[in-house]
Every structure is written in structure tokens, then in C-alpha cells.
Amino acid sequence: MFKNASYSLSTCVERTAIVKAVSEGVQSFQTIAITSDVELGFTAPCDSCQQTLAEFGPDLDVYLINTKNESKIYKLRDLLPTALISKEEDADTAKDLIVEMIEQ
């Protein structure tokens, strides 16, 4: 039987938290923390959640925390460098990253 690690898109906890915060009037985010029960490594938000977060800015801090209470911090732009960004000032940066990736 063929198995695929990509599950059909549903509503992840990260997007649920974003939608709830926005419904309560929050208009910007600086940080999000993602915890998981993995014992080795870390679990990052899925690409769909990363794209949703990117709508609030590519410089968002993303903390990844595992069961050993170890953590890593990333800028969202490092996790999703080619995000579809709606803000004009960030669009050039995204274009530059795409060109850079193509040229490699």
C-alpha cells in the first residue's frame, strides 16, 4: 500500500489560532510557538500555515519546541523564503529569492 506524508489540507492548530486571534481584533503577530510530541528534532508549521503566517510579515519569529523542552528559533522567511507576500515592500525580496534559487 502506498503511503504519503502529505495529508489533505485541513485546519491545523496554527491556522485555528490565527483565525481566532484575528476574530478577537488582533491585527499583527511578532511570534508564534509550535510544540509537538516528537522526541527527535522539531516540527515546523505546514506550508499552508506558513503561508497564512506570511500574510502578517516574513519577519515573524517561529519558535519550535520539542518534548525535551529544546527549542529553535527561525524567522518565517527562513522557513518559507518564497512565500506569496502581499505587501509591496516585501515583494521585491521574495522575487529576489526566487531568482536566486533559479540561478543556483
N, C-alpha and C. Protein backbone atom coordinates (compact mmCIF):
# COMPACT_ATOMS: atom_id res chain seq x y z
N MET A 1 0.83 -1.18 0.00
CA MET A 1 0.00 0.00 0.00
C MET A 1 0.88 1.24 0.00
N PHE A 2 0.55 2.19 -0.84
CA PHE A 2 1.28 3.45 -0.94
C PHE A 2 0.87 4.38 0.19
N LYS A 3 1.85 4.96 0.85
CA LYS A 3 1.56 5.92 1.91
C LYS A 3 2.20 7.25 1.56
N ASN A 4 1.56 8.32 1.94
CA ASN A 4 2.04 9.65 1.63
C ASN A 4 2.04 10.48 2.91
N ALA A 5 3.12 11.18 3.16
CA ALA A 5 3.22 12.00 4.36
C ALA A 5 2.42 13.30 4.26
N SER A 6 1.92 13.60 3.08
CA SER A 6 1.14 14.82 2.88
C SER A 6 -0.34 14.51 3.07
N TYR A 7 -0.88 15.02 4.14
CA TYR A 7 -2.30 14.81 4.41
C TYR A 7 -3.10 15.90 3.70
N SER A 8 -4.32 15.59 3.36
CA SER A 8 -5.12 16.62 2.71
C SER A 8 -5.23 17.82 3.65
N LEU A 9 -5.27 18.99 3.06
CA LEU A 9 -5.29 20.20 3.88
C LEU A 9 -6.58 20.28 4.70
N SER A 10 -6.38 20.50 5.94
CA SER A 10 -7.49 20.71 6.85
C SER A 10 -7.14 21.94 7.68
N THR A 11 -7.81 22.17 8.74
CA THR A 11 -7.49 23.33 9.56
C THR A 11 -6.55 22.91 10.68
N CYS A 12 -5.31 23.30 10.56
CA CYS A 12 -4.30 22.99 11.57
C CYS A 12 -4.48 23.92 12.78
N VAL A 13 -3.85 23.55 13.87
CA VAL A 13 -3.97 24.35 15.09
C VAL A 13 -3.40 25.76 14.91
N GLU A 14 -2.33 25.88 14.11
CA GLU A 14 -1.74 27.20 13.90
C GLU A 14 -2.73 28.13 13.20
N ARG A 15 -3.36 27.64 12.14
CA ARG A 15 -4.34 28.49 11.44
C ARG A 15 -5.57 28.74 12.30
N THR A 16 -5.96 27.78 13.11
CA THR A 16 -7.08 28.00 14.03
C THR A 16 -6.74 29.12 15.00
N ALA A 17 -5.53 29.11 15.54
CA ALA A 17 -5.10 30.17 16.48
C ALA A 17 -5.09 31.53 15.80
N ILE A 18 -4.62 31.58 14.55
CA ILE A 18 -4.58 32.84 13.82
C ILE A 18 -5.99 33.37 13.59
N VAL A 19 -6.87 32.51 13.11
CA VAL A 19 -8.25 32.93 12.84
C VAL A 19 -8.92 33.42 14.12
N LYS A 20 -8.72 32.71 15.22
CA LYS A 20 -9.32 33.12 16.50
C LYS A 20 -8.78 34.48 16.93
N ALA A 21 -7.46 34.66 16.83
CA ALA A 21 -6.86 35.93 17.24
C ALA A 21 -7.38 37.08 16.38
N VAL A 22 -7.45 36.87 15.08
CA VAL A 22 -7.95 37.92 14.19
C VAL A 22 -9.41 38.22 14.49
N SER A 23 -10.20 37.18 14.80
CA SER A 23 -11.62 37.41 15.13
C SER A 23 -11.77 38.19 16.42
N GLU A 24 -10.74 38.17 17.26
CA GLU A 24 -10.74 38.93 18.51
C GLU A 24 -10.12 40.31 18.36
N GLY A 25 -9.73 40.67 17.13
CA GLY A 25 -9.21 42.01 16.88
C GLY A 25 -7.72 42.13 16.72
N VAL A 26 -6.98 41.04 16.85
CA VAL A 26 -5.52 41.10 16.68
C VAL A 26 -5.22 41.34 15.20
N GLN A 27 -4.32 42.28 14.92
CA GLN A 27 -4.02 42.60 13.53
C GLN A 27 -2.57 42.33 13.16
N SER A 28 -1.74 41.98 14.12
CA SER A 28 -0.35 41.67 13.81
C SER A 28 0.19 40.65 14.82
N PHE A 29 1.22 39.97 14.39
CA PHE A 29 1.87 38.97 15.23
C PHE A 29 3.37 39.19 15.17
N GLN A 30 4.05 38.95 16.27
CA GLN A 30 5.50 39.03 16.30
C GLN A 30 6.12 37.66 16.45
N THR A 31 5.41 36.74 17.13
CA THR A 31 5.97 35.44 17.48
C THR A 31 4.88 34.38 17.48
N ILE A 32 5.28 33.17 17.11
CA ILE A 32 4.41 32.01 17.30
C ILE A 32 5.29 30.87 17.80
N ALA A 33 4.76 30.09 18.72
CA ALA A 33 5.49 28.93 19.25
C ALA A 33 4.76 27.67 18.83
N ILE A 34 5.50 26.71 18.31
CA ILE A 34 4.96 25.44 17.85
C ILE A 34 5.57 24.34 18.70
N THR A 35 4.73 23.62 19.42
CA THR A 35 5.21 22.48 20.19
C THR A 35 4.69 21.19 19.58
N SER A 36 5.43 20.12 19.79
CA SER A 36 4.98 18.83 19.28
C SER A 36 5.52 17.73 20.18
N ASP A 37 5.03 16.52 19.95
CA ASP A 37 5.45 15.41 20.80
C ASP A 37 6.58 14.59 20.17
N VAL A 38 7.28 15.15 19.20
CA VAL A 38 8.41 14.44 18.61
C VAL A 38 9.57 14.43 19.60
N GLU A 39 10.26 13.31 19.65
CA GLU A 39 11.40 13.21 20.57
C GLU A 39 12.72 13.55 19.89
N LEU A 40 12.76 13.39 18.58
CA LEU A 40 13.95 13.74 17.82
C LEU A 40 13.60 14.87 16.86
N GLY A 41 14.36 15.92 16.91
CA GLY A 41 14.12 17.03 16.00
C GLY A 41 12.97 17.91 16.43
N PHE A 42 12.41 18.60 15.46
CA PHE A 42 11.37 19.58 15.71
C PHE A 42 10.32 19.49 14.61
N THR A 43 9.13 19.99 14.89
CA THR A 43 8.06 20.02 13.90
C THR A 43 7.73 21.46 13.57
N ALA A 44 7.91 21.80 12.30
CA ALA A 44 7.60 23.16 11.83
C ALA A 44 6.15 23.20 11.36
N PRO A 45 5.58 24.40 11.27
CA PRO A 45 4.23 24.51 10.72
C PRO A 45 4.21 24.02 9.27
N CYS A 46 3.09 23.48 8.84
CA CYS A 46 2.97 23.04 7.45
C CYS A 46 3.06 24.26 6.52
N ASP A 47 3.27 24.01 5.24
CA ASP A 47 3.42 25.12 4.29
C ASP A 47 2.18 26.01 4.23
N SER A 48 1.01 25.40 4.37
CA SER A 48 -0.21 26.20 4.33
C SER A 48 -0.26 27.16 5.53
N CYS A 49 0.12 26.67 6.70
CA CYS A 49 0.15 27.53 7.88
C CYS A 49 1.24 28.60 7.74
N GLN A 50 2.39 28.20 7.18
CA GLN A 50 3.45 29.18 6.98
C GLN A 50 3.00 30.29 6.03
N GLN A 51 2.27 29.91 4.98
CA GLN A 51 1.77 30.94 4.05
C GLN A 51 0.78 31.86 4.74
N THR A 52 -0.08 31.30 5.57
CA THR A 52 -1.04 32.13 6.32
C THR A 52 -0.29 33.09 7.25
N LEU A 53 0.72 32.59 7.93
CA LEU A 53 1.53 33.44 8.80
C LEU A 53 2.25 34.52 8.01
N ALA A 54 2.68 34.20 6.79
CA ALA A 54 3.41 35.16 5.96
C ALA A 54 2.56 36.39 5.64
N GLU A 55 1.26 36.25 5.67
CA GLU A 55 0.40 37.40 5.43
C GLU A 55 0.57 38.47 6.51
N PHE A 56 1.16 38.08 7.65
CA PHE A 56 1.40 39.02 8.74
C PHE A 56 2.84 39.50 8.77
N GLY A 57 3.64 39.05 7.82
CA GLY A 57 5.01 39.52 7.70
C GLY A 57 6.03 38.41 7.78
N PRO A 58 7.04 38.48 6.92
CA PRO A 58 8.05 37.43 6.86
C PRO A 58 9.05 37.44 8.02
N ASP A 59 9.03 38.48 8.83
CA ASP A 59 9.98 38.56 9.94
C ASP A 59 9.42 38.02 11.25
N LEU A 60 8.30 37.34 11.18
CA LEU A 60 7.70 36.72 12.36
C LEU A 60 8.68 35.69 12.95
N ASP A 61 8.85 35.70 14.26
CA ASP A 61 9.69 34.70 14.93
C ASP A 61 8.88 33.42 15.13
N VAL A 62 9.45 32.29 14.73
CA VAL A 62 8.80 31.00 14.88
C VAL A 62 9.67 30.16 15.82
N TYR A 63 9.12 29.86 17.01
CA TYR A 63 9.80 29.00 17.97
C TYR A 63 9.30 27.58 17.80
N LEU A 64 10.22 26.63 17.66
CA LEU A 64 9.88 25.22 17.59
C LEU A 64 10.38 24.56 18.87
N ILE A 65 9.50 23.84 19.55
CA ILE A 65 9.82 23.27 20.86
C ILE A 65 9.43 21.79 20.86
N ASN A 66 10.34 20.93 21.35
CA ASN A 66 10.04 19.50 21.40
C ASN A 66 9.78 19.04 22.83
N THR A 67 9.59 17.74 23.01
CA THR A 67 9.25 17.20 24.33
C THR A 67 10.38 17.31 25.34
N LYS A 68 11.61 17.49 24.87
CA LYS A 68 12.74 17.65 25.79
C LYS A 68 12.92 19.12 26.20
N ASN A 69 11.95 19.94 25.81
CA ASN A 69 11.99 21.37 26.07
C ASN A 69 13.17 22.06 25.38
N GLU A 70 13.64 21.42 24.30
CA GLU A 70 14.66 22.04 23.47
C GLU A 70 13.92 22.94 22.47
N SER A 71 14.57 24.00 22.07
CA SER A 71 13.89 24.89 21.13
C SER A 71 14.85 25.42 20.08
N LYS A 72 14.26 25.81 18.97
CA LYS A 72 14.97 26.50 17.90
C LYS A 72 14.10 27.68 17.51
N ILE A 73 14.75 28.74 17.06
CA ILE A 73 14.00 29.91 16.60
C ILE A 73 14.40 30.21 15.16
N TYR A 74 13.40 30.50 14.36
CA TYR A 74 13.60 30.85 12.96
C TYR A 74 12.80 32.10 12.66
N LYS A 75 13.23 32.82 11.66
CA LYS A 75 12.39 33.84 11.05
C LYS A 75 11.53 33.10 10.05
N LEU A 76 10.29 33.50 9.91
CA LEU A 76 9.39 32.84 8.98
C LEU A 76 9.98 32.82 7.58
N ARG A 77 10.63 33.91 7.18
CA ARG A 77 11.21 33.96 5.83
C ARG A 77 12.25 32.87 5.62
N ASP A 78 12.89 32.36 6.69
CA ASP A 78 13.85 31.27 6.55
C ASP A 78 13.15 29.93 6.32
N LEU A 79 11.97 29.77 6.89
CA LEU A 79 11.20 28.54 6.69
C LEU A 79 10.49 28.53 5.35
N LEU A 80 10.03 29.69 4.90
CA LEU A 80 9.25 29.80 3.67
C LEU A 80 9.75 30.99 2.86
N PRO A 81 10.94 30.86 2.25
CA PRO A 81 11.55 32.01 1.59
C PRO A 81 10.81 32.49 0.35
N THR A 82 9.98 31.66 -0.24
CA THR A 82 9.27 32.08 -1.45
C THR A 82 7.77 32.26 -1.19
N ALA A 83 7.43 32.70 -0.01
CA ALA A 83 6.03 32.92 0.34
C ALA A 83 5.39 33.93 -0.61
N LEU A 84 4.12 33.75 -0.84
CA LEU A 84 3.36 34.73 -1.61
C LEU A 84 3.04 35.88 -0.67
N ILE A 85 3.73 36.98 -0.85
CA ILE A 85 3.64 38.11 0.07
C ILE A 85 2.87 39.23 -0.59
N SER A 86 1.85 39.73 0.11
CA SER A 86 1.00 40.76 -0.48
C SER A 86 1.52 42.17 -0.25
N LYS A 87 2.45 42.36 0.67
CA LYS A 87 2.96 43.69 0.94
C LYS A 87 4.00 44.08 -0.11
N GLU A 88 3.82 45.22 -0.71
CA GLU A 88 4.66 45.64 -1.83
C GLU A 88 6.14 45.69 -1.47
N GLU A 89 6.48 46.20 -0.27
CA GLU A 89 7.89 46.33 0.10
C GLU A 89 8.58 44.97 0.26
N ASP A 90 7.81 43.92 0.53
CA ASP A 90 8.38 42.58 0.67
C ASP A 90 8.37 41.81 -0.64
N ALA A 91 7.62 42.28 -1.60
CA ALA A 91 7.50 41.57 -2.88
C ALA A 91 8.84 41.49 -3.60
N ASP A 92 9.62 42.57 -3.58
CA ASP A 92 10.92 42.55 -4.24
C ASP A 92 11.85 41.54 -3.60
N THR A 93 11.83 41.43 -2.28
CA THR A 93 12.65 40.45 -1.58
C THR A 93 12.28 39.03 -2.01
N ALA A 94 10.99 38.74 -2.07
CA ALA A 94 10.54 37.42 -2.49
C ALA A 94 10.97 37.14 -3.92
N LYS A 95 10.84 38.14 -4.81
CA LYS A 95 11.26 37.96 -6.20
C LYS A 95 12.76 37.68 -6.27
N ASP A 96 13.55 38.42 -5.49
CA ASP A 96 15.00 38.21 -5.47
C ASP A 96 15.34 36.79 -5.02
N LEU A 97 14.63 36.29 -4.02
CA LEU A 97 14.89 34.94 -3.53
C LEU A 97 14.55 33.90 -4.58
N ILE A 98 13.47 34.10 -5.29
CA ILE A 98 13.09 33.16 -6.35
C ILE A 98 14.12 33.16 -7.45
N VAL A 99 14.58 34.33 -7.89
CA VAL A 99 15.60 34.43 -8.92
C VAL A 99 16.87 33.75 -8.45
N GLU A 100 17.26 33.98 -7.21
CA GLU A 100 18.45 33.36 -6.65
C GLU A 100 18.36 31.84 -6.67
N MET A 101 17.19 31.31 -6.31
CA MET A 101 17.00 29.86 -6.30
C MET A 101 17.09 29.29 -7.72
N ILE A 102 16.53 30.01 -8.70
CA ILE A 102 16.55 29.54 -10.09
C ILE A 102 17.97 29.54 -10.63
N GLU A 103 18.76 30.53 -10.26
CA GLU A 103 20.12 30.64 -10.77
C GLU A 103 21.07 29.61 -10.18
N GLN A 104 20.70 28.99 -9.08
CA GLN A 104 21.60 28.01 -8.44
C GLN A 104 21.64 26.71 -9.16
